[in-house]
Amino acid sequence: MSRRRFDHLVVEISVAVGARIPRYALWMRMHQNGCDPETLTPQASAAFCGRPLEGFLAERGLQLTPRAQRRLRRCVERYNPEVPAPEELLFGAP
């Protein structure tokens, strides 16, 4: 359960930019920015979706529109890791 917020963040960023984001690189960037991906809070997730994420994406030739960035921030801030995802309900917890 401890990584669920990070896992959700990776998926949401990937969907928002339309490309698969490298998990390990994102993990390391979060550590460089003083975030612990294992214990992410909603506020820390949303804060990372600002300038730190812009730089991370720019290094990979990707970017988000301001609207998509606001939507991403809201989505990660509202995420509740205690609610099972649809695929967990259908296929069981990993």
PDB file of N, CA and C in Angstrom:
ATOM      1  N   MET A   1       0.816  -1.188   0.000  1.00  0.00           N
ATOM      2  CA  MET A   1       0.000   0.000   0.000  1.00  0.00           C
ATOM      3  C   MET A   1       0.866   1.261   0.000  1.00  0.00           C
ATOM      4  N   SER A   2       2.122   1.144   0.428  1.00  0.00           N
ATOM      5  CA  SER A   2       2.946   2.328   0.588  1.00  0.00           C
ATOM      6  C   SER A   2       3.323   2.978  -0.740  1.00  0.00           C
ATOM      7  N   ARG A   3       3.390   2.212  -1.806  1.00  0.00           N
ATOM      8  CA  ARG A   3       3.785   2.783  -3.091  1.00  0.00           C
ATOM      9  C   ARG A   3       2.604   3.122  -3.989  1.00  0.00           C
ATOM     10  N   ARG A   4       1.426   2.916  -3.515  1.00  0.00           N
ATOM     11  CA  ARG A   4       0.256   3.110  -4.384  1.00  0.00           C
ATOM     12  C   ARG A   4       0.147   4.541  -4.893  1.00  0.00           C
ATOM     13  N   ARG A   5       0.454   5.506  -4.053  1.00  0.00           N
ATOM     14  CA  ARG A   5       0.357   6.900  -4.494  1.00  0.00           C
ATOM     15  C   ARG A   5       1.401   7.176  -5.584  1.00  0.00           C
ATOM     16  N   PHE A   6       2.610   6.635  -5.417  1.00  0.00           N
ATOM     17  CA  PHE A   6       3.642   6.806  -6.449  1.00  0.00           C
ATOM     18  C   PHE A   6       3.229   6.100  -7.736  1.00  0.00           C
ATOM     19  N   ASP A   7       2.733   4.877  -7.632  1.00  0.00           N
ATOM     20  CA  ASP A   7       2.277   4.139  -8.808  1.00  0.00           C
ATOM     21  C   ASP A   7       1.199   4.916  -9.554  1.00  0.00           C
ATOM     22  N   HIS A   8       0.276   5.475  -8.809  1.00  0.00           N
ATOM     23  CA  HIS A   8      -0.793   6.270  -9.410  1.00  0.00           C
ATOM     24  C   HIS A   8      -0.220   7.501 -10.106  1.00  0.00           C
ATOM     25  N   LEU A   9       0.747   8.144  -9.479  1.00  0.00           N
ATOM     26  CA  LEU A   9       1.377   9.324 -10.067  1.00  0.00           C
ATOM     27  C   LEU A   9       2.042   8.978 -11.397  1.00  0.00           C
ATOM     28  N   VAL A  10       2.752   7.870 -11.451  1.00  0.00           N
ATOM     29  CA  VAL A  10       3.416   7.446 -12.691  1.00  0.00           C
ATOM     30  C   VAL A  10       2.391   7.236 -13.801  1.00  0.00           C
ATOM     31  N   VAL A  11       1.322   6.554 -13.487  1.00  0.00           N
ATOM     32  CA  VAL A  11       0.287   6.275 -14.490  1.00  0.00           C
ATOM     33  C   VAL A  11      -0.370   7.566 -14.958  1.00  0.00           C
ATOM     34  N   GLU A  12      -0.721   8.427 -14.040  1.00  0.00           N
ATOM     35  CA  GLU A  12      -1.402   9.670 -14.413  1.00  0.00           C
ATOM     36  C   GLU A  12      -0.508  10.582 -15.244  1.00  0.00           C
ATOM     37  N   ILE A  13       0.769  10.662 -14.906  1.00  0.00           N
ATOM     38  CA  ILE A  13       1.691  11.472 -15.715  1.00  0.00           C
ATOM     39  C   ILE A  13       1.807  10.881 -17.109  1.00  0.00           C
ATOM     40  N   SER A  14       1.948   9.556 -17.193  1.00  0.00           N
ATOM     41  CA  SER A  14       2.073   8.885 -18.487  1.00  0.00           C
ATOM     42  C   SER A  14       0.848   9.136 -19.360  1.00  0.00           C
ATOM     43  N   VAL A  15      -0.318   9.049 -18.774  1.00  0.00           N
ATOM     44  CA  VAL A  15      -1.554   9.291 -19.532  1.00  0.00           C
ATOM     45  C   VAL A  15      -1.625  10.756 -19.960  1.00  0.00           C
ATOM     46  N   ALA A  16      -1.256  11.655 -19.072  1.00  0.00           N
ATOM     47  CA  ALA A  16      -1.344  13.090 -19.371  1.00  0.00           C
ATOM     48  C   ALA A  16      -0.429  13.490 -20.525  1.00  0.00           C
ATOM     49  N   VAL A  17       0.771  12.910 -20.594  1.00  0.00           N
ATOM     50  CA  VAL A  17       1.703  13.288 -21.663  1.00  0.00           C
ATOM     51  C   VAL A  17       1.591  12.385 -22.891  1.00  0.00           C
ATOM     52  N   GLY A  18       0.895  11.266 -22.747  1.00  0.00           N
ATOM     53  CA  GLY A  18       0.730  10.363 -23.880  1.00  0.00           C
ATOM     54  C   GLY A  18       1.961   9.527 -24.175  1.00  0.00           C
ATOM     55  N   ALA A  19       2.785   9.329 -23.163  1.00  0.00           N
ATOM     56  CA  ALA A  19       3.995   8.516 -23.321  1.00  0.00           C
ATOM     57  C   ALA A  19       4.308   7.853 -21.986  1.00  0.00           C
ATOM     58  N   ARG A  20       4.950   6.713 -22.055  1.00  0.00           N
ATOM     59  CA  ARG A  20       5.316   6.003 -20.825  1.00  0.00           C
ATOM     60  C   ARG A  20       6.477   6.722 -20.141  1.00  0.00           C
ATOM     61  N   ILE A  21       6.279   7.027 -18.871  1.00  0.00           N
ATOM     62  CA  ILE A  21       7.294   7.714 -18.072  1.00  0.00           C
ATOM     63  C   ILE A  21       8.144   6.659 -17.365  1.00  0.00           C
ATOM     64  N   PRO A  22       9.474   6.798 -17.413  1.00  0.00           N
ATOM     65  CA  PRO A  22      10.323   5.825 -16.726  1.00  0.00           C
ATOM     66  C   PRO A  22      10.193   5.939 -15.203  1.00  0.00           C
ATOM     67  N   ARG A  23       9.758   4.859 -14.578  1.00  0.00           N
ATOM     68  CA  ARG A  23       9.499   4.853 -13.132  1.00  0.00           C
ATOM     69  C   ARG A  23      10.749   5.167 -12.312  1.00  0.00           C
ATOM     70  N   TYR A  24      11.840   4.503 -12.644  1.00  0.00           N
ATOM     71  CA  TYR A  24      13.051   4.678 -11.849  1.00  0.00           C
ATOM     72  C   TYR A  24      13.562   6.117 -11.931  1.00  0.00           C
ATOM     73  N   ALA A  25      13.538   6.688 -13.131  1.00  0.00           N
ATOM     74  CA  ALA A  25      13.992   8.075 -13.300  1.00  0.00           C
ATOM     75  C   ALA A  25      13.103   9.029 -12.503  1.00  0.00           C
ATOM     76  N   LEU A  26      11.802   8.777 -12.503  1.00  0.00           N
ATOM     77  CA  LEU A  26      10.890   9.618 -11.725  1.00  0.00           C
ATOM     78  C   LEU A  26      11.154   9.434 -10.230  1.00  0.00           C
ATOM     79  N   TRP A  27      11.386   8.208  -9.824  1.00  0.00           N
ATOM     80  CA  TRP A  27      11.691   7.897  -8.422  1.00  0.00           C
ATOM     81  C   TRP A  27      12.922   8.685  -7.966  1.00  0.00           C
ATOM     82  N   MET A  28      13.975   8.636  -8.776  1.00  0.00           N
ATOM     83  CA  MET A  28      15.211   9.330  -8.434  1.00  0.00           C
ATOM     84  C   MET A  28      15.023  10.845  -8.429  1.00  0.00           C
ATOM     85  N   ARG A  29      14.263  11.357  -9.376  1.00  0.00           N
ATOM     86  CA  ARG A  29      14.025  12.805  -9.419  1.00  0.00           C
ATOM     87  C   ARG A  29      13.264  13.262  -8.181  1.00  0.00           C
ATOM     88  N   MET A  30      12.317  12.454  -7.747  1.00  0.00           N
ATOM     89  CA  MET A  30      11.568  12.818  -6.542  1.00  0.00           C
ATOM     90  C   MET A  30      12.497  12.857  -5.331  1.00  0.00           C
ATOM     91  N   HIS A  31      13.410  11.899  -5.244  1.00  0.00           N
ATOM     92  CA  HIS A  31      14.389  11.911  -4.151  1.00  0.00           C
ATOM     93  C   HIS A  31      15.262  13.163  -4.227  1.00  0.00           C
ATOM     94  N   GLN A  32      15.683  13.549  -5.421  1.00  0.00           N
ATOM     95  CA  GLN A  32      16.505  14.741  -5.597  1.00  0.00           C
ATOM     96  C   GLN A  32      15.763  16.002  -5.160  1.00  0.00           C
ATOM     97  N   ASN A  33      14.443  15.971  -5.274  1.00  0.00           N
ATOM     98  CA  ASN A  33      13.625  17.124  -4.889  1.00  0.00           C
ATOM     99  C   ASN A  33      13.150  17.037  -3.447  1.00  0.00           C
ATOM    100  N   GLY A  34      13.673  16.093  -2.695  1.00  0.00           N
ATOM    101  CA  GLY A  34      13.344  16.000  -1.277  1.00  0.00           C
ATOM    102  C   GLY A  34      12.053  15.266  -0.963  1.00  0.00           C
ATOM    103  N   CYS A  35      11.513  14.539  -1.923  1.00  0.00           N
ATOM    104  CA  CYS A  35      10.296  13.751  -1.698  1.00  0.00           C
ATOM    105  C   CYS A  35      10.672  12.289  -1.517  1.00  0.00           C
ATOM    106  N   ASP A  36       9.969  11.605  -0.658  1.00  0.00           N
ATOM    107  CA  ASP A  36      10.154  10.167  -0.515  1.00  0.00           C
ATOM    108  C   ASP A  36       8.979   9.481  -1.205  1.00  0.00           C
ATOM    109  N   PRO A  37       9.204   8.851  -2.353  1.00  0.00           N
ATOM    110  CA  PRO A  37       8.110   8.203  -3.081  1.00  0.00           C
ATOM    111  C   PRO A  37       7.373   7.136  -2.273  1.00  0.00           C
ATOM    112  N   GLU A  38       8.036   6.560  -1.295  1.00  0.00           N
ATOM    113  CA  GLU A  38       7.401   5.534  -0.458  1.00  0.00           C
ATOM    114  C   GLU A  38       6.313   6.121   0.439  1.00  0.00           C
ATOM    115  N   THR A  39       6.466   7.369   0.822  1.00  0.00           N
ATOM    116  CA  THR A  39       5.536   7.974   1.785  1.00  0.00           C
ATOM    117  C   THR A  39       4.973   9.288   1.249  1.00  0.00           C
ATOM    118  N   LEU A  40       4.597   9.308  -0.007  1.00  0.00           N
ATOM    119  CA  LEU A  40       4.060  10.525  -0.612  1.00  0.00           C
ATOM    120  C   LEU A  40       2.747  10.945   0.028  1.00  0.00           C
ATOM    121  N   THR A  41       2.621  12.212   0.265  1.00  0.00           N
ATOM    122  CA  THR A  41       1.347  12.770   0.724  1.00  0.00           C
ATOM    123  C   THR A  41       0.647  13.365  -0.496  1.00  0.00           C
ATOM    124  N   PRO A  42      -0.640  13.628  -0.385  1.00  0.00           N
ATOM    125  CA  PRO A  42      -1.325  14.280  -1.505  1.00  0.00           C
ATOM    126  C   PRO A  42      -0.707  15.636  -1.838  1.00  0.00           C
ATOM    127  N   GLN A  43      -0.289  16.369  -0.824  1.00  0.00           N
ATOM    128  CA  GLN A  43       0.301  17.694  -1.045  1.00  0.00           C
ATOM    129  C   GLN A  43       1.654  17.583  -1.744  1.00  0.00           C
ATOM    130  N   ALA A  44       2.472  16.613  -1.340  1.00  0.00           N
ATOM    131  CA  ALA A  44       3.779  16.430  -1.975  1.00  0.00           C
ATOM    132  C   ALA A  44       3.625  15.986  -3.431  1.00  0.00           C
ATOM    133  N   SER A  45       2.655  15.132  -3.688  1.00  0.00           N
ATOM    134  CA  SER A  45       2.391  14.691  -5.065  1.00  0.00           C
ATOM    135  C   SER A  45       1.989  15.872  -5.933  1.00  0.00           C
ATOM    136  N   ALA A  46       1.084  16.688  -5.421  1.00  0.00           N
ATOM    137  CA  ALA A  46       0.607  17.845  -6.176  1.00  0.00           C
ATOM    138  C   ALA A  46       1.729  18.859  -6.371  1.00  0.00           C
ATOM    139  N   ALA A  47       2.554  19.060  -5.351  1.00  0.00           N
ATOM    140  CA  ALA A  47       3.665  20.009  -5.458  1.00  0.00           C
ATOM    141  C   ALA A  47       4.667  19.558  -6.520  1.00  0.00           C
ATOM    142  N   PHE A  48       4.899  18.257  -6.612  1.00  0.00           N
ATOM    143  CA  PHE A  48       5.831  17.747  -7.610  1.00  0.00           C
ATOM    144  C   PHE A  48       5.308  17.991  -9.028  1.00  0.00           C
ATOM    145  N   CYS A  49       4.014  18.086  -9.181  1.00  0.00           N
ATOM    146  CA  CYS A  49       3.412  18.282 -10.505  1.00  0.00           C
ATOM    147  C   CYS A  49       3.603  19.699 -11.038  1.00  0.00           C
ATOM    148  N   GLY A  50       4.318  20.536 -10.329  1.00  0.00           N
ATOM    149  CA  GLY A  50       4.619  21.893 -10.776  1.00  0.00           C
ATOM    150  C   GLY A  50       5.949  21.935 -11.509  1.00  0.00           C
ATOM    151  N   ARG A  51       6.825  22.811 -11.064  1.00  0.00           N
ATOM    152  CA  ARG A  51       8.137  22.994 -11.702  1.00  0.00           C
ATOM    153  C   ARG A  51       8.996  21.729 -11.746  1.00  0.00           C
ATOM    154  N   PRO A  52       9.044  20.931 -10.664  1.00  0.00           N
ATOM    155  CA  PRO A  52       9.880  19.724 -10.756  1.00  0.00           C
ATOM    156  C   PRO A  52       9.466  18.805 -11.910  1.00  0.00           C
ATOM    157  N   LEU A  53       8.167  18.642 -12.104  1.00  0.00           N
ATOM    158  CA  LEU A  53       7.699  17.785 -13.190  1.00  0.00           C
ATOM    159  C   LEU A  53       7.991  18.419 -14.547  1.00  0.00           C
ATOM    160  N   GLU A  54       7.839  19.726 -14.649  1.00  0.00           N
ATOM    161  CA  GLU A  54       8.133  20.403 -15.915  1.00  0.00           C
ATOM    162  C   GLU A  54       9.558  20.131 -16.356  1.00  0.00           C
ATOM    163  N   GLY A  55      10.506  20.239 -15.419  1.00  0.00           N
ATOM    164  CA  GLY A  55      11.908  19.973 -15.740  1.00  0.00           C
ATOM    165  C   GLY A  55      12.144  18.530 -16.115  1.00  0.00           C
ATOM    166  N   PHE A  56      11.523  17.626 -15.375  1.00  0.00           N
ATOM    167  CA  PHE A  56      11.646  16.192 -15.644  1.00  0.00           C
ATOM    168  C   PHE A  56      11.146  15.872 -17.049  1.00  0.00           C
ATOM    169  N   LEU A  57      10.000  16.411 -17.408  1.00  0.00           N
ATOM    170  CA  LEU A  57       9.432  16.147 -18.726  1.00  0.00           C
ATOM    171  C   LEU A  57      10.247  16.813 -19.834  1.00  0.00           C
ATOM    172  N   ALA A  58      10.732  18.029 -19.585  1.00  0.00           N
ATOM    173  CA  ALA A  58      11.515  18.749 -20.595  1.00  0.00           C
ATOM    174  C   ALA A  58      12.771  17.975 -20.964  1.00  0.00           C
ATOM    175  N   GLU A  59      13.390  17.311 -20.002  1.00  0.00           N
ATOM    176  CA  GLU A  59      14.584  16.500 -20.285  1.00  0.00           C
ATOM    177  C   GLU A  59      14.276  15.360 -21.229  1.00  0.00           C
ATOM    178  N   ARG A  60      13.028  14.963 -21.293  1.00  0.00           N
ATOM    179  CA  ARG A  60      12.613  13.859 -22.155  1.00  0.00           C
ATOM    180  C   ARG A  60      11.872  14.343 -23.401  1.00  0.00           C
ATOM    181  N   GLY A  61      11.890  15.653 -23.624  1.00  0.00           N
ATOM    182  CA  GLY A  61      11.243  16.217 -24.801  1.00  0.00           C
ATOM    183  C   GLY A  61       9.725  16.205 -24.719  1.00  0.00           C
ATOM    184  N   LEU A  62       9.189  16.199 -23.507  1.00  0.00           N
ATOM    185  CA  LEU A  62       7.742  16.172 -23.298  1.00  0.00           C
ATOM    186  C   LEU A  62       7.311  17.422 -22.558  1.00  0.00           C
ATOM    187  N   GLN A  63       6.045  17.733 -22.668  1.00  0.00           N
ATOM    188  CA  GLN A  63       5.503  18.851 -21.906  1.00  0.00           C
ATOM    189  C   GLN A  63       4.008  18.684 -21.714  1.00  0.00           C
ATOM    190  N   LEU A  64       3.484  19.399 -20.752  1.00  0.00           N
ATOM    191  CA  LEU A  64       2.048  19.416 -20.478  1.00  0.00           C
ATOM    192  C   LEU A  64       1.519  20.816 -20.719  1.00  0.00           C
ATOM    193  N   THR A  65       0.310  20.885 -21.224  1.00  0.00           N
ATOM    194  CA  THR A  65      -0.330  22.181 -21.317  1.00  0.00           C
ATOM    195  C   THR A  65      -0.696  22.628 -19.904  1.00  0.00           C
ATOM    196  N   PRO A  66      -0.876  23.918 -19.682  1.00  0.00           N
ATOM    197  CA  PRO A  66      -1.272  24.363 -18.336  1.00  0.00           C
ATOM    198  C   PRO A  66      -2.557  23.697 -17.850  1.00  0.00           C
ATOM    199  N   ARG A  67      -3.493  23.502 -18.743  1.00  0.00           N
ATOM    200  CA  ARG A  67      -4.752  22.846 -18.366  1.00  0.00           C
ATOM    201  C   ARG A  67      -4.516  21.402 -17.944  1.00  0.00           C
ATOM    202  N   ALA A  68      -3.717  20.673 -18.717  1.00  0.00           N
ATOM    203  CA  ALA A  68      -3.414  19.278 -18.384  1.00  0.00           C
ATOM    204  C   ALA A  68      -2.640  19.194 -17.069  1.00  0.00           C
ATOM    205  N   GLN A  69      -1.783  20.172 -16.826  1.00  0.00           N
ATOM    206  CA  GLN A  69      -1.023  20.186 -15.583  1.00  0.00           C
ATOM    207  C   GLN A  69      -1.947  20.416 -14.379  1.00  0.00           C
ATOM    208  N   ARG A  70      -2.907  21.308 -14.513  1.00  0.00           N
ATOM    209  CA  ARG A  70      -3.884  21.542 -13.437  1.00  0.00           C
ATOM    210  C   ARG A  70      -4.727  20.295 -13.198  1.00  0.00           C
ATOM    211  N   ARG A  71      -5.147  19.653 -14.261  1.00  0.00           N
ATOM    212  CA  ARG A  71      -5.942  18.428 -14.147  1.00  0.00           C
ATOM    213  C   ARG A  71      -5.142  17.322 -13.455  1.00  0.00           C
ATOM    214  N   LEU A  72      -3.883  17.179 -13.833  1.00  0.00           N
ATOM    215  CA  LEU A  72      -3.009  16.183 -13.209  1.00  0.00           C
ATOM    216  C   LEU A  72      -2.843  16.472 -11.725  1.00  0.00           C
ATOM    217  N   ARG A  73      -2.604  17.714 -11.387  1.00  0.00           N
ATOM    218  CA  ARG A  73      -2.420  18.098  -9.980  1.00  0.00           C
ATOM    219  C   ARG A  73      -3.664  17.766  -9.162  1.00  0.00           C
ATOM    220  N   ARG A  74      -4.831  18.101  -9.695  1.00  0.00           N
ATOM    221  CA  ARG A  74      -6.083  17.789  -8.985  1.00  0.00           C
ATOM    222  C   ARG A  74      -6.269  16.292  -8.812  1.00  0.00           C
ATOM    223  N   CYS A  75      -5.966  15.553  -9.851  1.00  0.00           N
ATOM    224  CA  CYS A  75      -6.158  14.099  -9.830  1.00  0.00           C
ATOM    225  C   CYS A  75      -5.265  13.439  -8.780  1.00  0.00           C
ATOM    226  N   VAL A  76      -4.001  13.805  -8.731  1.00  0.00           N
ATOM    227  CA  VAL A  76      -3.105  13.168  -7.762  1.00  0.00           C
ATOM    228  C   VAL A  76      -3.385  13.639  -6.342  1.00  0.00           C
ATOM    229  N   GLU A  77      -3.885  14.845  -6.220  1.00  0.00           N
ATOM    230  CA  GLU A  77      -4.209  15.363  -4.891  1.00  0.00           C
ATOM    231  C   GLU A  77      -5.442  14.664  -4.311  1.00  0.00           C
ATOM    232  N   ARG A  78      -6.376  14.298  -5.170  1.00  0.00           N
ATOM    233  CA  ARG A  78      -7.629  13.673  -4.720  1.00  0.00           C
ATOM    234  C   ARG A  78      -7.549  12.156  -4.596  1.00  0.00           C
ATOM    235  N   TYR A  79      -6.489  11.573  -5.067  1.00  0.00           N
ATOM    236  CA  TYR A  79      -6.362  10.114  -5.076  1.00  0.00           C
ATOM    237  C   TYR A  79      -6.355   9.559  -3.646  1.00  0.00           C
ATOM    238  N   ASN A  80      -7.155   8.513  -3.444  1.00  0.00           N
ATOM    239  CA  ASN A  80      -7.218   7.837  -2.152  1.00  0.00           C
ATOM    240  C   ASN A  80      -6.676   6.426  -2.339  1.00  0.00           C
ATOM    241  N   PRO A  81      -5.469   6.132  -1.814  1.00  0.00           N
ATOM    242  CA  PRO A  81      -4.880   4.812  -2.039  1.00  0.00           C
ATOM    243  C   PRO A  81      -5.601   3.676  -1.329  1.00  0.00           C
ATOM    244  N   GLU A  82      -6.529   3.985  -0.461  1.00  0.00           N
ATOM    245  CA  GLU A  82      -7.261   2.930   0.242  1.00  0.00           C
ATOM    246  C   GLU A  82      -8.424   2.372  -0.571  1.00  0.00           C
ATOM    247  N   VAL A  83      -8.817   3.078  -1.613  1.00  0.00           N
ATOM    248  CA  VAL A  83      -9.899   2.619  -2.482  1.00  0.00           C
ATOM    249  C   VAL A  83      -9.281   1.757  -3.575  1.00  0.00           C
ATOM    250  N   PRO A  84      -9.713   0.512  -3.704  1.00  0.00           N
ATOM    251  CA  PRO A  84      -9.126  -0.371  -4.721  1.00  0.00           C
ATOM    252  C   PRO A  84      -9.384   0.146  -6.137  1.00  0.00           C
ATOM    253  N   ALA A  85      -8.391  -0.010  -6.979  1.00  0.00           N
ATOM    254  CA  ALA A  85      -8.517   0.372  -8.381  1.00  0.00           C
ATOM    255  C   ALA A  85      -9.408  -0.654  -9.088  1.00  0.00           C
ATOM    256  N   PRO A  86     -10.039  -0.280 -10.196  1.00  0.00           N
ATOM    257  CA  PRO A  86     -10.916  -1.223 -10.909  1.00  0.00           C
ATOM    258  C   PRO A  86     -10.217  -2.532 -11.275  1.00  0.00           C
ATOM    259  N   GLU A  87      -8.957  -2.450 -11.723  1.00  0.00           N
ATOM    260  CA  GLU A  87      -8.268  -3.693 -12.097  1.00  0.00           C
ATOM    261  C   GLU A  87      -8.003  -4.576 -10.886  1.00  0.00           C
ATOM    262  N   GLU A  88      -7.870  -3.993  -9.702  1.00  0.00           N
ATOM    263  CA  GLU A  88      -7.703  -4.794  -8.492  1.00  0.00           C
ATOM    264  C   GLU A  88      -8.998  -5.510  -8.131  1.00  0.00           C
ATOM    265  N   LEU A  89     -10.105  -4.866  -8.374  1.00  0.00           N
ATOM    266  CA  LEU A  89     -11.387  -5.499  -8.116  1.00  0.00           C
ATOM    267  C   LEU A  89     -11.640  -6.657  -9.082  1.00  0.00           C
ATOM    268  N   LEU A  90     -11.251  -6.450 -10.346  1.00  0.00           N
ATOM    269  CA  LEU A  90     -11.490  -7.490 -11.352  1.00  0.00           C
ATOM    270  C   LEU A  90     -10.506  -8.647 -11.262  1.00  0.00           C
ATOM    271  N   PHE A  91      -9.243  -8.335 -11.048  1.00  0.00           N
ATOM    272  CA  PHE A  91      -8.200  -9.355 -11.134  1.00  0.00           C
ATOM    273  C   PHE A  91      -7.539  -9.677  -9.795  1.00  0.00           C
ATOM    274  N   GLY A  92      -7.948  -9.028  -8.732  1.00  0.00           N
ATOM    275  CA  GLY A  92      -7.347  -9.254  -7.420  1.00  0.00           C
ATOM    276  C   GLY A  92      -6.148  -8.356  -7.187  1.00  0.00           C
ATOM    277  N   ALA A  93      -5.834  -8.162  -5.946  1.00  0.00           N
ATOM    278  CA  ALA A  93      -4.685  -7.305  -5.578  1.00  0.00           C
ATOM    279  C   ALA A  93      -3.391  -8.001  -5.965  1.00  0.00           C
ATOM    280  N   PRO A  94      -2.378  -7.201  -6.397  1.00  0.00           N
ATOM    281  CA  PRO A  94      -1.111  -7.810  -6.828  1.00  0.00           C
ATOM    282  C   PRO A  94      -0.345  -8.418  -5.678  1.00  0.00           C
TER     283      PRO A  94
END
